[in-house]
Amino acid sequence: MNKYFKNRVLELMHEKNIKQIALADAIGLTQATLSRNINGIHEPKADVVQKIAQFFNVSTDYLLGNTDNRNEILDDSTTEIDLSQLDSIDIALFDATKELTDSEKTQILDFVNYIKNKKPSGDGK
């Protein structure tokens, strides 16, 4: 996990005066698992990042270092799309999200950003 995740989770815990064990209990993890996630020993699953973000009322983009604004959710929806560049996966994803709530769409966007941040730089796949 990138350095932002560790630093920001620890900062939020300090601000709220909450111990790791209490956070772990609140999000349904063992303290050992949470510790390994925070310290980068194990990559936290997307749902863990989401639960931590919800617990502290911040965006997952903030936890992952995509923004310095705690509540900003990066949204590329205003970007012009060249439909000729879409492949079948893009079209299927677009179609599959039509009936989702804004909250569900935000969770998907958070997960996509999480996956993008896991990739080593220069990896085009």
N, C-alpha and C. Protein backbone atom coordinates (compact mmCIF):
# COMPACT_ATOMS: atom_id res chain seq x y z
N MET A 1 0.86 -1.18 0.00
CA MET A 1 0.00 0.00 0.00
C MET A 1 0.89 1.22 0.00
N ASN A 2 0.43 2.25 -0.62
CA ASN A 2 1.24 3.45 -0.68
C ASN A 2 1.35 4.12 0.69
N LYS A 3 2.31 5.02 0.80
CA LYS A 3 2.57 5.67 2.08
C LYS A 3 1.40 6.51 2.56
N TYR A 4 0.58 6.99 1.63
CA TYR A 4 -0.54 7.83 2.01
C TYR A 4 -1.52 7.07 2.91
N PHE A 5 -1.81 5.84 2.54
CA PHE A 5 -2.79 5.05 3.29
C PHE A 5 -2.37 4.95 4.75
N LYS A 6 -1.15 4.51 4.99
CA LYS A 6 -0.66 4.35 6.36
C LYS A 6 -0.71 5.68 7.11
N ASN A 7 -0.13 6.71 6.51
CA ASN A 7 -0.05 8.00 7.19
C ASN A 7 -1.43 8.57 7.48
N ARG A 8 -2.34 8.44 6.52
CA ARG A 8 -3.65 9.05 6.71
C ARG A 8 -4.51 8.27 7.70
N VAL A 9 -4.42 6.95 7.69
CA VAL A 9 -5.17 6.18 8.68
C VAL A 9 -4.64 6.49 10.08
N LEU A 10 -3.33 6.51 10.23
CA LEU A 10 -2.76 6.82 11.55
C LEU A 10 -3.12 8.23 11.99
N GLU A 11 -3.10 9.18 11.08
CA GLU A 11 -3.48 10.56 11.41
C GLU A 11 -4.94 10.64 11.86
N LEU A 12 -5.82 9.96 11.14
CA LEU A 12 -7.24 9.97 11.50
C LEU A 12 -7.46 9.29 12.85
N MET A 13 -6.75 8.20 13.10
CA MET A 13 -6.87 7.52 14.38
C MET A 13 -6.42 8.45 15.52
N HIS A 14 -5.33 9.16 15.29
CA HIS A 14 -4.82 10.10 16.30
C HIS A 14 -5.84 11.21 16.56
N GLU A 15 -6.39 11.78 15.48
CA GLU A 15 -7.36 12.87 15.63
C GLU A 15 -8.59 12.43 16.41
N LYS A 16 -9.04 11.22 16.17
CA LYS A 16 -10.25 10.71 16.83
C LYS A 16 -9.92 10.01 18.14
N ASN A 17 -8.62 9.97 18.46
CA ASN A 17 -8.17 9.31 19.68
C ASN A 17 -8.71 7.89 19.77
N ILE A 18 -8.52 7.14 18.69
CA ILE A 18 -9.00 5.77 18.63
C ILE A 18 -7.83 4.82 18.47
N LYS A 19 -7.87 3.75 19.17
CA LYS A 19 -6.82 2.74 19.11
C LYS A 19 -7.10 1.77 17.97
N GLN A 20 -6.06 1.09 17.53
CA GLN A 20 -6.19 0.15 16.43
C GLN A 20 -7.22 -0.94 16.73
N ILE A 21 -7.24 -1.43 17.93
CA ILE A 21 -8.17 -2.49 18.30
C ILE A 21 -9.62 -2.03 18.16
N ALA A 22 -9.89 -0.78 18.54
CA ALA A 22 -11.25 -0.25 18.43
C ALA A 22 -11.65 -0.07 16.97
N LEU A 23 -10.72 0.41 16.14
CA LEU A 23 -11.02 0.56 14.72
C LEU A 23 -11.24 -0.80 14.09
N ALA A 24 -10.40 -1.75 14.43
CA ALA A 24 -10.53 -3.11 13.90
C ALA A 24 -11.90 -3.69 14.25
N ASP A 25 -12.31 -3.55 15.50
CA ASP A 25 -13.62 -4.04 15.93
C ASP A 25 -14.74 -3.35 15.15
N ALA A 26 -14.61 -2.04 14.96
CA ALA A 26 -15.66 -1.27 14.29
C ALA A 26 -15.84 -1.68 12.83
N ILE A 27 -14.76 -2.10 12.18
CA ILE A 27 -14.87 -2.46 10.76
C ILE A 27 -14.86 -3.96 10.52
N GLY A 28 -14.85 -4.74 11.59
CA GLY A 28 -14.97 -6.18 11.46
C GLY A 28 -13.70 -6.92 11.10
N LEU A 29 -12.57 -6.42 11.57
CA LEU A 29 -11.28 -7.09 11.35
C LEU A 29 -10.65 -7.43 12.68
N THR A 30 -9.67 -8.30 12.64
CA THR A 30 -8.85 -8.49 13.84
C THR A 30 -7.85 -7.35 13.88
N GLN A 31 -7.33 -7.09 15.07
CA GLN A 31 -6.33 -6.03 15.20
C GLN A 31 -5.09 -6.38 14.41
N ALA A 32 -4.73 -7.66 14.38
CA ALA A 32 -3.54 -8.10 13.65
C ALA A 32 -3.69 -7.85 12.15
N THR A 33 -4.87 -8.15 11.61
CA THR A 33 -5.11 -7.93 10.18
C THR A 33 -5.06 -6.45 9.86
N LEU A 34 -5.70 -5.64 10.68
CA LEU A 34 -5.68 -4.20 10.46
C LEU A 34 -4.25 -3.67 10.51
N SER A 35 -3.49 -4.13 11.48
CA SER A 35 -2.10 -3.70 11.61
C SER A 35 -1.30 -4.05 10.36
N ARG A 36 -1.48 -5.27 9.85
CA ARG A 36 -0.75 -5.67 8.64
C ARG A 36 -1.17 -4.82 7.44
N ASN A 37 -2.46 -4.45 7.38
CA ASN A 37 -2.94 -3.59 6.29
C ASN A 37 -2.34 -2.19 6.39
N ILE A 38 -2.37 -1.63 7.58
CA ILE A 38 -1.87 -0.27 7.77
C ILE A 38 -0.37 -0.20 7.51
N ASN A 39 0.36 -1.19 7.95
CA ASN A 39 1.81 -1.18 7.81
C ASN A 39 2.32 -1.70 6.47
N GLY A 40 1.42 -2.03 5.57
CA GLY A 40 1.82 -2.43 4.23
C GLY A 40 2.33 -3.86 4.12
N ILE A 41 2.15 -4.65 5.16
CA ILE A 41 2.57 -6.04 5.09
C ILE A 41 1.63 -6.81 4.16
N HIS A 42 0.34 -6.51 4.27
CA HIS A 42 -0.65 -7.04 3.35
C HIS A 42 -1.43 -5.88 2.73
N GLU A 43 -1.74 -6.00 1.47
CA GLU A 43 -2.54 -5.01 0.76
C GLU A 43 -3.99 -5.10 1.27
N PRO A 44 -4.55 -4.00 1.77
CA PRO A 44 -5.93 -4.08 2.24
C PRO A 44 -6.89 -4.29 1.07
N LYS A 45 -7.92 -5.06 1.30
CA LYS A 45 -8.94 -5.28 0.28
C LYS A 45 -9.73 -4.00 0.11
N ALA A 46 -10.35 -3.86 -1.05
CA ALA A 46 -11.12 -2.65 -1.35
C ALA A 46 -12.21 -2.40 -0.31
N ASP A 47 -12.85 -3.47 0.16
CA ASP A 47 -13.92 -3.27 1.14
C ASP A 47 -13.38 -2.77 2.48
N VAL A 48 -12.15 -3.12 2.80
CA VAL A 48 -11.52 -2.62 4.04
C VAL A 48 -11.23 -1.14 3.90
N VAL A 49 -10.68 -0.74 2.76
CA VAL A 49 -10.43 0.69 2.51
C VAL A 49 -11.74 1.46 2.60
N GLN A 50 -12.80 0.91 2.00
CA GLN A 50 -14.11 1.55 2.02
C GLN A 50 -14.64 1.67 3.45
N LYS A 51 -14.52 0.62 4.24
CA LYS A 51 -15.01 0.64 5.63
C LYS A 51 -14.25 1.66 6.47
N ILE A 52 -12.95 1.74 6.28
CA ILE A 52 -12.15 2.72 7.02
C ILE A 52 -12.57 4.13 6.62
N ALA A 53 -12.75 4.34 5.33
CA ALA A 53 -13.18 5.65 4.84
C ALA A 53 -14.54 6.02 5.43
N GLN A 54 -15.46 5.08 5.44
CA GLN A 54 -16.79 5.35 6.01
C GLN A 54 -16.70 5.62 7.51
N PHE A 55 -15.88 4.86 8.19
CA PHE A 55 -15.74 5.05 9.64
C PHE A 55 -15.27 6.47 9.96
N PHE A 56 -14.29 6.97 9.21
CA PHE A 56 -13.75 8.29 9.47
C PHE A 56 -14.44 9.40 8.67
N ASN A 57 -15.43 9.02 7.88
CA ASN A 57 -16.18 9.98 7.07
C ASN A 57 -15.26 10.75 6.11
N VAL A 58 -14.40 10.00 5.43
CA VAL A 58 -13.54 10.57 4.40
C VAL A 58 -13.71 9.72 3.14
N SER A 59 -13.21 10.21 2.03
CA SER A 59 -13.30 9.43 0.80
C SER A 59 -12.15 8.43 0.73
N THR A 60 -12.36 7.38 -0.03
CA THR A 60 -11.27 6.43 -0.24
C THR A 60 -10.17 7.09 -1.07
N ASP A 61 -10.55 8.03 -1.92
CA ASP A 61 -9.53 8.77 -2.68
C ASP A 61 -8.58 9.49 -1.74
N TYR A 62 -9.10 10.04 -0.66
CA TYR A 62 -8.25 10.69 0.34
C TYR A 62 -7.32 9.68 1.00
N LEU A 63 -7.87 8.55 1.44
CA LEU A 63 -7.04 7.53 2.09
C LEU A 63 -5.93 7.03 1.18
N LEU A 64 -6.22 6.93 -0.11
CA LEU A 64 -5.25 6.39 -1.06
C LEU A 64 -4.30 7.44 -1.62
N GLY A 65 -4.51 8.69 -1.23
CA GLY A 65 -3.60 9.75 -1.66
C GLY A 65 -3.92 10.34 -3.02
N ASN A 66 -5.13 10.08 -3.53
CA ASN A 66 -5.51 10.65 -4.83
C ASN A 66 -5.93 12.10 -4.72
N THR A 67 -6.27 12.53 -3.51
CA THR A 67 -6.65 13.91 -3.26
C THR A 67 -6.26 14.26 -1.83
N ASP A 68 -6.05 15.54 -1.58
CA ASP A 68 -5.77 16.00 -0.23
C ASP A 68 -7.04 16.49 0.47
N ASN A 69 -8.13 16.56 -0.27
CA ASN A 69 -9.42 16.96 0.28
C ASN A 69 -10.09 15.72 0.85
N ARG A 70 -10.37 15.73 2.13
CA ARG A 70 -10.89 14.52 2.79
C ARG A 70 -12.21 14.01 2.22
N ASN A 71 -13.01 14.89 1.67
CA ASN A 71 -14.32 14.46 1.20
C ASN A 71 -14.48 14.53 -0.31
N GLU A 72 -13.41 14.85 -1.00
CA GLU A 72 -13.48 14.93 -2.45
C GLU A 72 -13.41 13.54 -3.06
N ILE A 73 -14.32 13.29 -3.98
CA ILE A 73 -14.30 12.05 -4.74
C ILE A 73 -13.97 12.44 -6.17
N LEU A 74 -12.89 11.91 -6.67
CA LEU A 74 -12.49 12.24 -8.02
C LEU A 74 -13.50 11.67 -8.99
N ASP A 75 -13.93 12.50 -9.91
CA ASP A 75 -14.97 12.09 -10.86
C ASP A 75 -14.56 12.56 -12.23
N ASP A 76 -14.32 11.62 -13.10
CA ASP A 76 -13.94 11.95 -14.47
C ASP A 76 -15.14 11.97 -15.40
N SER A 77 -16.36 12.02 -14.86
CA SER A 77 -17.55 11.91 -15.69
C SER A 77 -17.74 13.10 -16.62
N THR A 78 -17.07 14.23 -16.35
CA THR A 78 -17.23 15.38 -17.22
C THR A 78 -16.29 15.32 -18.42
N THR A 79 -15.45 14.32 -18.48
CA THR A 79 -14.52 14.16 -19.58
C THR A 79 -15.27 13.72 -20.83
N GLU A 80 -14.96 14.35 -21.97
CA GLU A 80 -15.57 13.95 -23.23
C GLU A 80 -15.12 12.54 -23.57
N ILE A 81 -16.05 11.72 -24.03
CA ILE A 81 -15.74 10.34 -24.36
C ILE A 81 -15.86 10.15 -25.86
N ASP A 82 -14.82 9.60 -26.46
CA ASP A 82 -14.84 9.23 -27.87
C ASP A 82 -15.39 7.81 -27.94
N LEU A 83 -16.66 7.68 -28.34
CA LEU A 83 -17.32 6.38 -28.33
C LEU A 83 -16.61 5.35 -29.20
N SER A 84 -15.89 5.80 -30.21
CA SER A 84 -15.19 4.85 -31.07
C SER A 84 -14.03 4.18 -30.34
N GLN A 85 -13.61 4.76 -29.21
CA GLN A 85 -12.49 4.20 -28.44
C GLN A 85 -12.94 3.17 -27.41
N LEU A 86 -14.26 3.02 -27.23
CA LEU A 86 -14.76 2.09 -26.23
C LEU A 86 -14.69 0.66 -26.74
N ASP A 87 -14.28 -0.26 -25.86
CA ASP A 87 -14.31 -1.66 -26.24
C ASP A 87 -15.52 -2.32 -25.56
N SER A 88 -15.69 -3.60 -25.75
CA SER A 88 -16.88 -4.28 -25.22
C SER A 88 -16.94 -4.23 -23.69
N ILE A 89 -15.78 -4.23 -23.04
CA ILE A 89 -15.75 -4.15 -21.57
C ILE A 89 -16.25 -2.79 -21.11
N ASP A 90 -15.77 -1.72 -21.76
CA ASP A 90 -16.22 -0.37 -21.41
C ASP A 90 -17.73 -0.25 -21.56
N ILE A 91 -18.24 -0.76 -22.65
CA ILE A 91 -19.68 -0.67 -22.92
C ILE A 91 -20.46 -1.48 -21.89
N ALA A 92 -19.97 -2.68 -21.57
CA ALA A 92 -20.65 -3.52 -20.58
C ALA A 92 -20.66 -2.84 -19.21
N LEU A 93 -19.54 -2.23 -18.82
CA LEU A 93 -19.48 -1.53 -17.54
C LEU A 93 -20.44 -0.35 -17.51
N PHE A 94 -20.47 0.40 -18.59
CA PHE A 94 -21.37 1.55 -18.67
C PHE A 94 -22.81 1.09 -18.54
N ASP A 95 -23.16 0.06 -19.29
CA ASP A 95 -24.52 -0.45 -19.28
C ASP A 95 -24.88 -1.02 -17.91
N ALA A 96 -23.94 -1.71 -17.28
CA ALA A 96 -24.20 -2.35 -15.98
C ALA A 96 -24.39 -1.35 -14.86
N THR A 97 -23.88 -0.14 -15.01
CA THR A 97 -23.97 0.84 -13.93
C THR A 97 -25.16 1.78 -14.07
N LYS A 98 -25.91 1.68 -15.14
CA LYS A 98 -27.02 2.61 -15.37
C LYS A 98 -28.02 2.66 -14.22
N GLU A 99 -28.33 1.51 -13.65
CA GLU A 99 -29.38 1.45 -12.64
C GLU A 99 -28.85 1.52 -11.21
N LEU A 100 -27.56 1.76 -11.05
CA LEU A 100 -26.99 1.84 -9.71
C LEU A 100 -27.24 3.21 -9.09
N THR A 101 -27.24 3.24 -7.78
CA THR A 101 -27.36 4.52 -7.08
C THR A 101 -26.04 5.28 -7.19
N ASP A 102 -26.07 6.55 -6.88
CA ASP A 102 -24.83 7.33 -6.89
C ASP A 102 -23.81 6.75 -5.91
N SER A 103 -24.29 6.30 -4.76
CA SER A 103 -23.40 5.70 -3.77
C SER A 103 -22.73 4.44 -4.32
N GLU A 104 -23.49 3.61 -4.99
CA GLU A 104 -22.93 2.38 -5.57
C GLU A 104 -21.92 2.71 -6.67
N LYS A 105 -22.23 3.73 -7.46
CA LYS A 105 -21.30 4.16 -8.52
C LYS A 105 -20.01 4.69 -7.90
N THR A 106 -20.13 5.40 -6.80
CA THR A 106 -18.96 5.92 -6.10
C THR A 106 -18.10 4.78 -5.59
N GLN A 107 -18.72 3.73 -5.07
CA GLN A 107 -17.97 2.57 -4.59
C GLN A 107 -17.21 1.91 -5.74
N ILE A 108 -17.84 1.83 -6.91
CA ILE A 108 -17.17 1.24 -8.08
C ILE A 108 -15.99 2.12 -8.48
N LEU A 109 -16.19 3.43 -8.51
CA LEU A 109 -15.11 4.35 -8.85
C LEU A 109 -13.97 4.25 -7.84
N ASP A 110 -14.30 4.13 -6.57
CA ASP A 110 -13.27 3.96 -5.55
C ASP A 110 -12.47 2.68 -5.79
N PHE A 111 -13.18 1.62 -6.16
CA PHE A 111 -12.50 0.34 -6.41
C PHE A 111 -11.59 0.46 -7.64
N VAL A 112 -12.07 1.12 -8.69
CA VAL A 112 -11.24 1.31 -9.89
C VAL A 112 -9.98 2.09 -9.54
N ASN A 113 -10.13 3.14 -8.75
CA ASN A 113 -8.97 3.93 -8.32
C ASN A 113 -8.03 3.09 -7.47
N TYR A 114 -8.57 2.24 -6.63
CA TYR A 114 -7.76 1.34 -5.82
C TYR A 114 -6.94 0.42 -6.72
N ILE A 115 -7.57 -0.17 -7.72
CA ILE A 115 -6.89 -1.08 -8.65
C ILE A 115 -5.81 -0.31 -9.42
N LYS A 116 -6.13 0.90 -9.87
CA LYS A 116 -5.15 1.70 -10.61
C LYS A 116 -3.93 2.00 -9.75
N ASN A 117 -4.13 2.24 -8.46
CA ASN A 117 -3.03 2.57 -7.56
C ASN A 117 -2.17 1.36 -7.22
N LYS A 118 -2.69 0.17 -7.38
CA LYS A 118 -1.93 -1.06 -7.11
C LYS A 118 -0.93 -1.35 -8.19
N LYS A 119 -1.17 -0.87 -9.42
CA LYS A 119 -0.32 -1.20 -10.54
C LYS A 119 1.06 -0.57 -10.41
N PRO A 120 2.09 -1.32 -10.77
CA PRO A 120 3.41 -0.68 -10.83
C PRO A 120 3.40 0.36 -11.96
N SER A 121 4.10 1.46 -11.78
CA SER A 121 4.09 2.48 -12.82
C SER A 121 4.69 1.91 -14.11
N GLY A 122 4.09 2.35 -15.21
CA GLY A 122 4.55 1.89 -16.52
C GLY A 122 3.87 0.62 -16.97
N ASP A 123 3.04 0.01 -16.10
CA ASP A 123 2.33 -1.21 -16.47
C ASP A 123 1.05 -0.82 -17.19
N GLY A 124 0.97 -1.08 -18.45
CA GLY A 124 -0.18 -0.69 -19.24
C GLY A 124 -1.32 -1.67 -19.20
N LYS A 125 -1.19 -2.75 -18.47
CA LYS A 125 -2.27 -3.74 -18.46
C LYS A 125 -2.89 -3.82 -17.11
